[in-house]
Amino acid sequence: MHNLDHEHPDGGLAEDLSTLQRRRALRWLAGAGALSLLGCGGGGDAATTATSTSTTTTSTTTTTSSTCAVIPTETNGPYPADGTSSLNALLLSGIVRSDIRSSFAGASAVAAGVPLTVTLTLVNTNASCASLAGHAIYVWHCDQAGRYSLYSSGVTGENYLRGVQATDSNGQVTFTTIFPACYAGRWPHIHVEVYPSLALATSVANVSKTTQIAMPEAACYEVFASSGYSASVANFNQISLATDNVFSDGATLETPTISGSVSAGYAIALTIGIAG
């Protein structure tokens, strides 16, 4: 189980933010001479990425190549609440929803953070990338402080940042949520499970695919420098895609396109290929 505690080194948040700014400046200078070498994160990710950041609006747009390939299978743990253990949010009334920022089924907390819209498109890699309608997609992730509802101290009675939707005729679902934090030992991410239908989206025993979404690096720097994400700064400085225990083997198919800004919120989009 990952450590959810967040501690800053002796220099404190100011030093973390200063380090963060220096790292961003070095990346910008390196990019001027070697743009073709830039990826969406630490070493090993071969995705082609174009990043533009406005210093006046602090907005970011990243584009990754689109490929009809089966998305990698990743672990669902350690906080899935999908019936892997005694916790199963999939059985709660109200879990089928598009806005997952609030708790439901008798719980009432609302997760704070930079707004994030997540659009996922499910396609069949065995049928020329045909859209897969009528499947169910379950997403969950940590909150602004790096905590998982139902599991972490202080939010065991909450179930926010979890939700299920059925894919439409275009194979799409769209969730409204918040940008996840970076907790110790992991690259910022969102968990995804795909089920054959809503009726079968009640237990991990019926899952078709389990994967994760890697949050784009440039946006992480911007978000974690904003109010409410201070605990993420030191954690993010100590992790990369190359050292992450999930994405270190390559995150090209798991890195979404992204647009937006801290002030306006972000939107990510990812095509999820499965052998349907």
C-alpha atoms as a PDB file:
ATOM      1  CA  MET A   1       0.000   0.000   0.000  1.00  0.00           C
ATOM      2  CA  HIS A   2       1.399   3.370  -0.948  1.00  0.00           C
ATOM      3  CA  ASN A   3       2.364   5.860   1.710  1.00  0.00           C
ATOM      4  CA  LEU A   4      -0.089   8.736   1.628  1.00  0.00           C
ATOM      5  CA  ASP A   5       1.815  10.918   4.068  1.00  0.00           C
ATOM      6  CA  HIS A   6       3.221  14.137   2.594  1.00  0.00           C
ATOM      7  CA  GLU A   7       6.254  15.746   4.204  1.00  0.00           C
ATOM      8  CA  HIS A   8       8.466  18.524   2.907  1.00  0.00           C
ATOM      9  CA  PRO A   9      12.260  18.538   3.293  1.00  0.00           C
ATOM     10  CA  ASP A  10      13.891  21.135   5.540  1.00  0.00           C
ATOM     11  CA  GLY A  11      13.657  23.870   2.908  1.00  0.00           C
ATOM     12  CA  GLY A  12       9.873  23.809   3.032  1.00  0.00           C
ATOM     13  CA  LEU A  13       7.333  24.627   0.349  1.00  0.00           C
ATOM     14  CA  ALA A  14       9.155  27.761  -0.822  1.00  0.00           C
ATOM     15  CA  GLU A  15      12.233  25.715  -1.667  1.00  0.00           C
ATOM     16  CA  ASP A  16      10.080  23.070  -3.376  1.00  0.00           C
ATOM     17  CA  LEU A  17       8.417  25.687  -5.545  1.00  0.00           C
ATOM     18  CA  SER A  18      11.773  27.287  -6.325  1.00  0.00           C
ATOM     19  CA  THR A  19      13.140  23.900  -7.360  1.00  0.00           C
ATOM     20  CA  LEU A  20      10.063  23.309  -9.463  1.00  0.00           C
ATOM     21  CA  GLN A  21      10.528  26.609 -11.318  1.00  0.00           C
ATOM     22  CA  ARG A  22      14.195  25.846 -11.997  1.00  0.00           C
ATOM     23  CA  ARG A  23      13.268  22.437 -13.355  1.00  0.00           C
ATOM     24  CA  ARG A  24      10.693  23.995 -15.690  1.00  0.00           C
ATOM     25  CA  ALA A  25      13.251  26.528 -16.932  1.00  0.00           C
ATOM     26  CA  LEU A  26      15.819  23.792 -17.639  1.00  0.00           C
ATOM     27  CA  ARG A  27      13.247  21.806 -19.575  1.00  0.00           C
ATOM     28  CA  TRP A  28      12.394  24.893 -21.665  1.00  0.00           C
ATOM     29  CA  LEU A  29      16.057  25.584 -22.456  1.00  0.00           C
ATOM     30  CA  ALA A  30      16.714  21.944 -23.330  1.00  0.00           C
ATOM     31  CA  GLY A  31      13.655  21.925 -25.564  1.00  0.00           C
ATOM     32  CA  ALA A  32      14.976  24.829 -27.656  1.00  0.00           C
ATOM     33  CA  GLY A  33      17.800  22.627 -28.961  1.00  0.00           C
ATOM     34  CA  ALA A  34      16.276  19.176 -28.802  1.00  0.00           C
ATOM     35  CA  LEU A  35      12.512  19.435 -29.189  1.00  0.00           C
ATOM     36  CA  SER A  36      12.341  16.055 -30.843  1.00  0.00           C
ATOM     37  CA  LEU A  37      13.600  14.410 -27.658  1.00  0.00           C
ATOM     38  CA  LEU A  38      10.807  15.737 -25.464  1.00  0.00           C
ATOM     39  CA  GLY A  39       8.236  13.249 -24.178  1.00  0.00           C
ATOM     40  CA  CYS A  40       5.279  13.452 -21.859  1.00  0.00           C
ATOM     41  CA  GLY A  41       7.327  12.535 -18.817  1.00  0.00           C
ATOM     42  CA  GLY A  42      10.435  10.791 -17.567  1.00  0.00           C
ATOM     43  CA  GLY A  43      12.642   8.534 -19.673  1.00  0.00           C
ATOM     44  CA  GLY A  44      11.336   5.565 -21.604  1.00  0.00           C
ATOM     45  CA  ASP A  45       8.133   7.108 -22.971  1.00  0.00           C
ATOM     46  CA  ALA A  46       8.393   7.356 -26.752  1.00  0.00           C
ATOM     47  CA  ALA A  47       5.159   9.294 -27.309  1.00  0.00           C
ATOM     48  CA  THR A  48       5.446  12.211 -29.721  1.00  0.00           C
ATOM     49  CA  THR A  49       4.452  15.291 -27.746  1.00  0.00           C
ATOM     50  CA  ALA A  50       3.994  18.950 -28.566  1.00  0.00           C
ATOM     51  CA  THR A  51       3.669  21.274 -25.602  1.00  0.00           C
ATOM     52  CA  SER A  52       2.882  24.978 -25.553  1.00  0.00           C
ATOM     53  CA  THR A  53       2.676  26.993 -22.373  1.00  0.00           C
ATOM     54  CA  SER A  54       1.554  30.611 -22.141  1.00  0.00           C
ATOM     55  CA  THR A  55       3.242  32.555 -19.366  1.00  0.00           C
ATOM     56  CA  THR A  56       0.349  35.007 -19.264  1.00  0.00           C
ATOM     57  CA  THR A  57      -2.521  32.516 -19.017  1.00  0.00           C
ATOM     58  CA  THR A  58      -0.599  29.484 -17.689  1.00  0.00           C
ATOM     59  CA  SER A  59      -2.343  27.264 -20.223  1.00  0.00           C
ATOM     60  CA  THR A  60      -1.062  23.974 -21.606  1.00  0.00           C
ATOM     61  CA  THR A  61      -1.912  21.962 -24.699  1.00  0.00           C
ATOM     62  CA  THR A  62      -0.303  18.568 -25.267  1.00  0.00           C
ATOM     63  CA  THR A  63      -0.886  16.244 -28.209  1.00  0.00           C
ATOM     64  CA  THR A  64       0.071  12.577 -28.344  1.00  0.00           C
ATOM     65  CA  SER A  65      -0.095  10.278 -31.329  1.00  0.00           C
ATOM     66  CA  SER A  66      -3.281   8.235 -31.659  1.00  0.00           C
ATOM     67  CA  THR A  67      -2.840   4.501 -32.156  1.00  0.00           C
ATOM     68  CA  CYS A  68      -5.397   1.728 -32.361  1.00  0.00           C
ATOM     69  CA  ALA A  69      -3.596  -0.660 -30.037  1.00  0.00           C
ATOM     70  CA  VAL A  70      -4.580  -2.538 -26.907  1.00  0.00           C
ATOM     71  CA  ILE A  71      -3.935  -0.343 -23.891  1.00  0.00           C
ATOM     72  CA  PRO A  72      -1.601  -1.944 -21.306  1.00  0.00           C
ATOM     73  CA  THR A  73      -3.123  -3.792 -18.385  1.00  0.00           C
ATOM     74  CA  GLU A  74      -2.168  -2.319 -15.019  1.00  0.00           C
ATOM     75  CA  THR A  75      -2.850  -3.040 -11.368  1.00  0.00           C
ATOM     76  CA  ASN A  76      -6.151  -1.893  -9.870  1.00  0.00           C
ATOM     77  CA  GLY A  77      -4.698  -1.541  -6.397  1.00  0.00           C
ATOM     78  CA  PRO A  78      -4.334  -0.579  -3.791  1.00  0.00           C
ATOM     79  CA  TYR A  79      -7.605   1.373  -3.395  1.00  0.00           C
ATOM     80  CA  PRO A  80     -10.108   0.146  -6.017  1.00  0.00           C
ATOM     81  CA  ALA A  81     -13.301  -0.438  -4.004  1.00  0.00           C
ATOM     82  CA  ASP A  82     -14.385  -2.805  -6.777  1.00  0.00           C
ATOM     83  CA  GLY A  83     -14.998  -5.931  -4.740  1.00  0.00           C
ATOM     84  CA  THR A  84     -11.339  -6.989  -4.700  1.00  0.00           C
ATOM     85  CA  SER A  85     -11.666  -6.772  -0.930  1.00  0.00           C
ATOM     86  CA  SER A  86     -14.663  -6.139   1.315  1.00  0.00           C
ATOM     87  CA  LEU A  87     -15.104  -2.620  -0.087  1.00  0.00           C
ATOM     88  CA  ASN A  88     -17.246  -2.353  -3.214  1.00  0.00           C
ATOM     89  CA  ALA A  89     -18.418   1.103  -4.306  1.00  0.00           C
ATOM     90  CA  LEU A  90     -19.827  -0.454  -7.485  1.00  0.00           C
ATOM     91  CA  LEU A  91     -22.777  -1.747  -5.469  1.00  0.00           C
ATOM     92  CA  LEU A  92     -23.726   1.686  -4.084  1.00  0.00           C
ATOM     93  CA  SER A  93     -26.829   3.421  -5.372  1.00  0.00           C
ATOM     94  CA  GLY A  94     -25.700   6.501  -7.295  1.00  0.00           C
ATOM     95  CA  ILE A  95     -22.331   5.192  -8.504  1.00  0.00           C
ATOM     96  CA  VAL A  96     -23.495   5.619 -12.127  1.00  0.00           C
ATOM     97  CA  ARG A  97     -22.858   9.342 -12.696  1.00  0.00           C
ATOM     98  CA  SER A  98     -20.809  11.791 -14.730  1.00  0.00           C
ATOM     99  CA  ASP A  99     -19.798  14.331 -12.048  1.00  0.00           C
ATOM    100  CA  ILE A 100     -17.743  12.406  -9.503  1.00  0.00           C
ATOM    101  CA  ARG A 101     -16.559  15.309  -7.338  1.00  0.00           C
ATOM    102  CA  SER A 102     -19.118  14.759  -4.582  1.00  0.00           C
ATOM    103  CA  SER A 103     -19.773  11.814  -2.303  1.00  0.00           C
ATOM    104  CA  PHE A 104     -23.129  10.037  -2.588  1.00  0.00           C
ATOM    105  CA  ALA A 105     -25.297   7.340  -1.000  1.00  0.00           C
ATOM    106  CA  GLY A 106     -25.556   9.207   2.305  1.00  0.00           C
ATOM    107  CA  ALA A 107     -22.080  10.780   2.285  1.00  0.00           C
ATOM    108  CA  SER A 108     -21.800  14.471   1.493  1.00  0.00           C
ATOM    109  CA  ALA A 109     -18.226  15.762   1.099  1.00  0.00           C
ATOM    110  CA  VAL A 110     -17.187  17.418  -2.175  1.00  0.00           C
ATOM    111  CA  ALA A 111     -13.607  17.071  -3.409  1.00  0.00           C
ATOM    112  CA  ALA A 112     -11.861  20.411  -3.950  1.00  0.00           C
ATOM    113  CA  GLY A 113      -9.257  20.968  -6.646  1.00  0.00           C
ATOM    114  CA  VAL A 114      -8.533  22.236 -10.152  1.00  0.00           C
ATOM    115  CA  PRO A 115     -11.465  21.147 -12.379  1.00  0.00           C
ATOM    116  CA  LEU A 116     -10.759  18.323 -14.819  1.00  0.00           C
ATOM    117  CA  THR A 117     -12.931  16.878 -17.589  1.00  0.00           C
ATOM    118  CA  VAL A 118     -12.048  13.329 -18.624  1.00  0.00           C
ATOM    119  CA  THR A 119     -13.276  11.997 -21.985  1.00  0.00           C
ATOM    120  CA  LEU A 120     -12.549   8.344 -22.742  1.00  0.00           C
ATOM    121  CA  THR A 121     -13.266   6.624 -26.059  1.00  0.00           C
ATOM    122  CA  LEU A 122     -13.474   2.834 -26.063  1.00  0.00           C
ATOM    123  CA  VAL A 123     -12.547   1.068 -29.325  1.00  0.00           C
ATOM    124  CA  ASN A 124     -12.227  -2.515 -30.556  1.00  0.00           C
ATOM    125  CA  THR A 125      -8.694  -3.249 -31.753  1.00  0.00           C
ATOM    126  CA  ASN A 126      -9.967  -6.413 -33.463  1.00  0.00           C
ATOM    127  CA  ALA A 127     -12.439  -4.475 -35.619  1.00  0.00           C
ATOM    128  CA  SER A 128     -10.529  -1.572 -37.172  1.00  0.00           C
ATOM    129  CA  CYS A 129     -10.922   0.637 -34.100  1.00  0.00           C
ATOM    130  CA  ALA A 130     -14.715   0.427 -34.164  1.00  0.00           C
ATOM    131  CA  SER A 131     -16.412   2.240 -31.286  1.00  0.00           C
ATOM    132  CA  LEU A 132     -17.658   0.035 -28.464  1.00  0.00           C
ATOM    133  CA  ALA A 133     -21.070   1.213 -27.256  1.00  0.00           C
ATOM    134  CA  GLY A 134     -22.866  -0.087 -24.186  1.00  0.00           C
ATOM    135  CA  HIS A 135     -19.765  -0.997 -22.195  1.00  0.00           C
ATOM    136  CA  ALA A 136     -19.223   0.422 -18.708  1.00  0.00           C
ATOM    137  CA  ILE A 137     -16.201   2.382 -17.516  1.00  0.00           C
ATOM    138  CA  TYR A 138     -15.349   2.841 -13.839  1.00  0.00           C
ATOM    139  CA  VAL A 139     -12.821   5.542 -12.880  1.00  0.00           C
ATOM    140  CA  TRP A 140     -11.349   6.520  -9.516  1.00  0.00           C
ATOM    141  CA  HIS A 141      -8.389   8.531  -8.249  1.00  0.00           C
ATOM    142  CA  CYS A 142      -6.975  10.352  -5.220  1.00  0.00           C
ATOM    143  CA  ASP A 143      -8.056  13.793  -4.037  1.00  0.00           C
ATOM    144  CA  GLN A 144      -6.154  17.078  -3.782  1.00  0.00           C
ATOM    145  CA  ALA A 145      -4.337  15.841  -0.669  1.00  0.00           C
ATOM    146  CA  GLY A 146      -3.435  12.447  -2.156  1.00  0.00           C
ATOM    147  CA  ARG A 147      -6.148  10.559  -0.256  1.00  0.00           C
ATOM    148  CA  TYR A 148      -8.458   7.840  -1.610  1.00  0.00           C
ATOM    149  CA  SER A 149     -12.052   7.901  -0.460  1.00  0.00           C
ATOM    150  CA  LEU A 150     -13.190   4.844   1.541  1.00  0.00           C
ATOM    151  CA  TYR A 151      -9.556   4.014   2.431  1.00  0.00           C
ATOM    152  CA  SER A 152      -7.478   6.983   3.607  1.00  0.00           C
ATOM    153  CA  SER A 153      -7.547   8.489   7.076  1.00  0.00           C
ATOM    154  CA  GLY A 154     -10.061  11.320   7.248  1.00  0.00           C
ATOM    155  CA  VAL A 155     -12.113  10.191   4.228  1.00  0.00           C
ATOM    156  CA  THR A 156     -13.033   6.589   5.023  1.00  0.00           C
ATOM    157  CA  GLY A 157     -16.667   7.696   5.281  1.00  0.00           C
ATOM    158  CA  GLU A 158     -16.607   9.413   1.878  1.00  0.00           C
ATOM    159  CA  ASN A 159     -16.846   7.928  -1.628  1.00  0.00           C
ATOM    160  CA  TYR A 160     -16.063  10.891  -3.879  1.00  0.00           C
ATOM    161  CA  LEU A 161     -13.891  10.698  -7.018  1.00  0.00           C
ATOM    162  CA  ARG A 162     -15.439   7.376  -8.035  1.00  0.00           C
ATOM    163  CA  GLY A 163     -18.011   6.829 -10.766  1.00  0.00           C
ATOM    164  CA  VAL A 164     -19.292   4.587 -13.547  1.00  0.00           C
ATOM    165  CA  GLN A 165     -20.816   5.381 -16.927  1.00  0.00           C
ATOM    166  CA  ALA A 166     -21.943   3.429 -19.994  1.00  0.00           C
ATOM    167  CA  THR A 167     -20.269   4.268 -23.299  1.00  0.00           C
ATOM    168  CA  ASP A 168     -22.512   6.000 -25.838  1.00  0.00           C
ATOM    169  CA  SER A 169     -22.895   5.220 -29.553  1.00  0.00           C
ATOM    170  CA  ASN A 170     -19.459   6.734 -30.141  1.00  0.00           C
ATOM    171  CA  GLY A 171     -17.903   4.571 -27.451  1.00  0.00           C
ATOM    172  CA  GLN A 172     -17.429   7.613 -25.217  1.00  0.00           C
ATOM    173  CA  VAL A 173     -17.903   8.609 -21.600  1.00  0.00           C
ATOM    174  CA  THR A 174     -17.110  11.983 -20.027  1.00  0.00           C
ATOM    175  CA  PHE A 175     -16.469  12.521 -16.326  1.00  0.00           C
ATOM    176  CA  THR A 176     -16.228  15.800 -14.425  1.00  0.00           C
ATOM    177  CA  THR A 177     -13.676  15.581 -11.631  1.00  0.00           C
ATOM    178  CA  ILE A 178     -10.587  17.327 -10.196  1.00  0.00           C
ATOM    179  CA  PHE A 179      -6.905  17.067 -11.111  1.00  0.00           C
ATOM    180  CA  PRO A 180      -5.413  14.292  -8.938  1.00  0.00           C
ATOM    181  CA  ALA A 181      -2.558  14.992  -6.554  1.00  0.00           C
ATOM    182  CA  CYS A 182       0.877  13.394  -6.574  1.00  0.00           C
ATOM    183  CA  TYR A 183       1.403  11.228  -3.529  1.00  0.00           C
ATOM    184  CA  ALA A 184       4.694   9.642  -2.482  1.00  0.00           C
ATOM    185  CA  GLY A 185       6.039   6.993  -4.839  1.00  0.00           C
ATOM    186  CA  ARG A 186       3.620   7.337  -7.763  1.00  0.00           C
ATOM    187  CA  TRP A 187       3.285   9.449 -10.895  1.00  0.00           C
ATOM    188  CA  PRO A 188      -0.078  11.324 -10.855  1.00  0.00           C
ATOM    189  CA  HIS A 189      -2.673   9.023 -12.370  1.00  0.00           C
ATOM    190  CA  ILE A 190      -6.301   7.955 -12.765  1.00  0.00           C
ATOM    191  CA  HIS A 191      -7.468   4.347 -12.478  1.00  0.00           C
ATOM    192  CA  VAL A 192      -9.778   2.839 -15.114  1.00  0.00           C
ATOM    193  CA  GLU A 193     -11.728  -0.410 -15.310  1.00  0.00           C
ATOM    194  CA  VAL A 194     -13.761  -1.478 -18.337  1.00  0.00           C
ATOM    195  CA  TYR A 195     -16.774  -3.793 -18.024  1.00  0.00           C
ATOM    196  CA  PRO A 196     -18.875  -5.467 -20.746  1.00  0.00           C
ATOM    197  CA  SER A 197     -22.017  -3.617 -19.565  1.00  0.00           C
ATOM    198  CA  LEU A 198     -23.517  -1.616 -16.714  1.00  0.00           C
ATOM    199  CA  ALA A 199     -25.284  -4.747 -15.507  1.00  0.00           C
ATOM    200  CA  LEU A 200     -21.912  -6.465 -15.082  1.00  0.00           C
ATOM    201  CA  ALA A 201     -20.160  -3.443 -13.553  1.00  0.00           C
ATOM    202  CA  THR A 202     -20.750  -4.702 -10.042  1.00  0.00           C
ATOM    203  CA  SER A 203     -17.576  -6.633  -9.259  1.00  0.00           C
ATOM    204  CA  VAL A 204     -13.990  -6.895 -10.446  1.00  0.00           C
ATOM    205  CA  ALA A 205     -14.790 -10.510 -11.258  1.00  0.00           C
ATOM    206  CA  ASN A 206     -16.482  -9.238 -14.438  1.00  0.00           C
ATOM    207  CA  VAL A 207     -13.822  -6.738 -15.538  1.00  0.00           C
ATOM    208  CA  SER A 208     -12.648  -6.716 -19.174  1.00  0.00           C
ATOM    209  CA  LYS A 209      -9.646  -4.396 -18.813  1.00  0.00           C
ATOM    210  CA  THR A 210      -7.860  -2.615 -15.980  1.00  0.00           C
ATOM    211  CA  THR A 211      -5.491   0.230 -16.775  1.00  0.00           C
ATOM    212  CA  GLN A 212      -4.303   3.665 -15.638  1.00  0.00           C
ATOM    213  CA  ILE A 213      -4.032   7.157 -17.138  1.00  0.00           C
ATOM    214  CA  ALA A 214      -0.726   9.033 -16.740  1.00  0.00           C
ATOM    215  CA  MET A 215      -1.301  12.739 -16.165  1.00  0.00           C
ATOM    216  CA  PRO A 216       0.745  14.913 -18.605  1.00  0.00           C
ATOM    217  CA  GLU A 217       3.868  16.385 -17.053  1.00  0.00           C
ATOM    218  CA  ALA A 218       3.554  20.064 -18.024  1.00  0.00           C
ATOM    219  CA  ALA A 219       0.076  20.348 -16.531  1.00  0.00           C
ATOM    220  CA  CYS A 220       1.267  18.661 -13.329  1.00  0.00           C
ATOM    221  CA  TYR A 221       3.873  21.396 -12.811  1.00  0.00           C
ATOM    222  CA  GLU A 222       1.234  24.085 -13.277  1.00  0.00           C
ATOM    223  CA  VAL A 223      -1.398  22.484 -11.059  1.00  0.00           C
ATOM    224  CA  PHE A 224       0.949  21.576  -8.229  1.00  0.00           C
ATOM    225  CA  ALA A 225       2.205  25.162  -8.084  1.00  0.00           C
ATOM    226  CA  SER A 226      -1.368  26.323  -7.450  1.00  0.00           C
ATOM    227  CA  SER A 227      -3.279  26.669  -4.210  1.00  0.00           C
ATOM    228  CA  GLY A 228      -4.220  23.462  -2.430  1.00  0.00           C
ATOM    229  CA  TYR A 229      -1.628  21.148  -3.989  1.00  0.00           C
ATOM    230  CA  SER A 230       1.420  22.068  -1.911  1.00  0.00           C
ATOM    231  CA  ALA A 231       1.865  18.500  -0.627  1.00  0.00           C
ATOM    232  CA  SER A 232       2.314  17.295  -4.218  1.00  0.00           C
ATOM    233  CA  VAL A 233       5.347  19.473  -4.976  1.00  0.00           C
ATOM    234  CA  ALA A 234       8.010  17.467  -3.105  1.00  0.00           C
ATOM    235  CA  ASN A 235       6.448  14.167  -4.168  1.00  0.00           C
ATOM    236  CA  PHE A 236       6.444  15.140  -7.849  1.00  0.00           C
ATOM    237  CA  ASN A 237      10.062  16.305  -7.645  1.00  0.00           C
ATOM    238  CA  GLN A 238      11.012  12.784  -6.563  1.00  0.00           C
ATOM    239  CA  ILE A 239       9.214  10.759  -9.268  1.00  0.00           C
ATOM    240  CA  SER A 240       9.340  10.365 -13.047  1.00  0.00           C
ATOM    241  CA  LEU A 241       7.665   8.125 -15.582  1.00  0.00           C
ATOM    242  CA  ALA A 242      10.962   6.232 -15.812  1.00  0.00           C
ATOM    243  CA  THR A 243      10.960   5.441 -12.084  1.00  0.00           C
ATOM    244  CA  ASP A 244       7.214   4.940 -11.594  1.00  0.00           C
ATOM    245  CA  ASN A 245       6.414   1.295 -10.857  1.00  0.00           C
ATOM    246  CA  VAL A 246       3.482   1.291 -13.304  1.00  0.00           C
ATOM    247  CA  PHE A 247       4.487   3.555 -16.190  1.00  0.00           C
ATOM    248  CA  SER A 248       8.241   2.818 -16.309  1.00  0.00           C
ATOM    249  CA  ASP A 249       7.775   0.332 -19.172  1.00  0.00           C
ATOM    250  CA  GLY A 250       6.215   3.036 -21.361  1.00  0.00           C
ATOM    251  CA  ALA A 251       3.140   5.221 -21.052  1.00  0.00           C
ATOM    252  CA  THR A 252       2.513   6.233 -24.663  1.00  0.00           C
ATOM    253  CA  LEU A 253      -0.901   4.540 -24.873  1.00  0.00           C
ATOM    254  CA  GLU A 254      -1.830   5.724 -21.377  1.00  0.00           C
ATOM    255  CA  THR A 255      -1.003   9.433 -21.752  1.00  0.00           C
ATOM    256  CA  PRO A 256      -3.976  11.577 -22.814  1.00  0.00           C
ATOM    257  CA  THR A 257      -4.153  14.756 -24.832  1.00  0.00           C
ATOM    258  CA  ILE A 258      -4.738  17.775 -22.617  1.00  0.00           C
ATOM    259  CA  SER A 259      -5.832  21.391 -22.896  1.00  0.00           C
ATOM    260  CA  GLY A 260      -6.735  24.143 -20.464  1.00  0.00           C
ATOM    261  CA  SER A 261      -5.253  26.045 -17.552  1.00  0.00           C
ATOM    262  CA  VAL A 262      -5.345  26.204 -13.775  1.00  0.00           C
ATOM    263  CA  SER A 263      -7.809  29.095 -13.848  1.00  0.00           C
ATOM    264  CA  ALA A 264     -10.145  27.601 -16.462  1.00  0.00           C
ATOM    265  CA  GLY A 265      -9.684  23.934 -15.634  1.00  0.00           C
ATOM    266  CA  TYR A 266      -8.259  21.166 -17.797  1.00  0.00           C
ATOM    267  CA  ALA A 267      -9.693  18.623 -20.218  1.00  0.00           C
ATOM    268  CA  ILE A 268      -8.030  15.332 -21.108  1.00  0.00           C
ATOM    269  CA  ALA A 269      -8.994  12.777 -23.740  1.00  0.00           C
ATOM    270  CA  LEU A 270      -7.754   9.234 -24.267  1.00  0.00           C
ATOM    271  CA  THR A 271      -8.660   6.399 -26.607  1.00  0.00           C
ATOM    272  CA  ILE A 272      -8.739   3.045 -24.832  1.00  0.00           C
ATOM    273  CA  GLY A 273      -8.216   0.102 -27.122  1.00  0.00           C
ATOM    274  CA  ILE A 274      -9.349  -3.347 -26.048  1.00  0.00           C
ATOM    275  CA  ALA A 275      -9.557  -6.627 -27.946  1.00  0.00           C
ATOM    276  CA  GLY A 276     -13.342  -6.545 -28.122  1.00  0.00           C
END
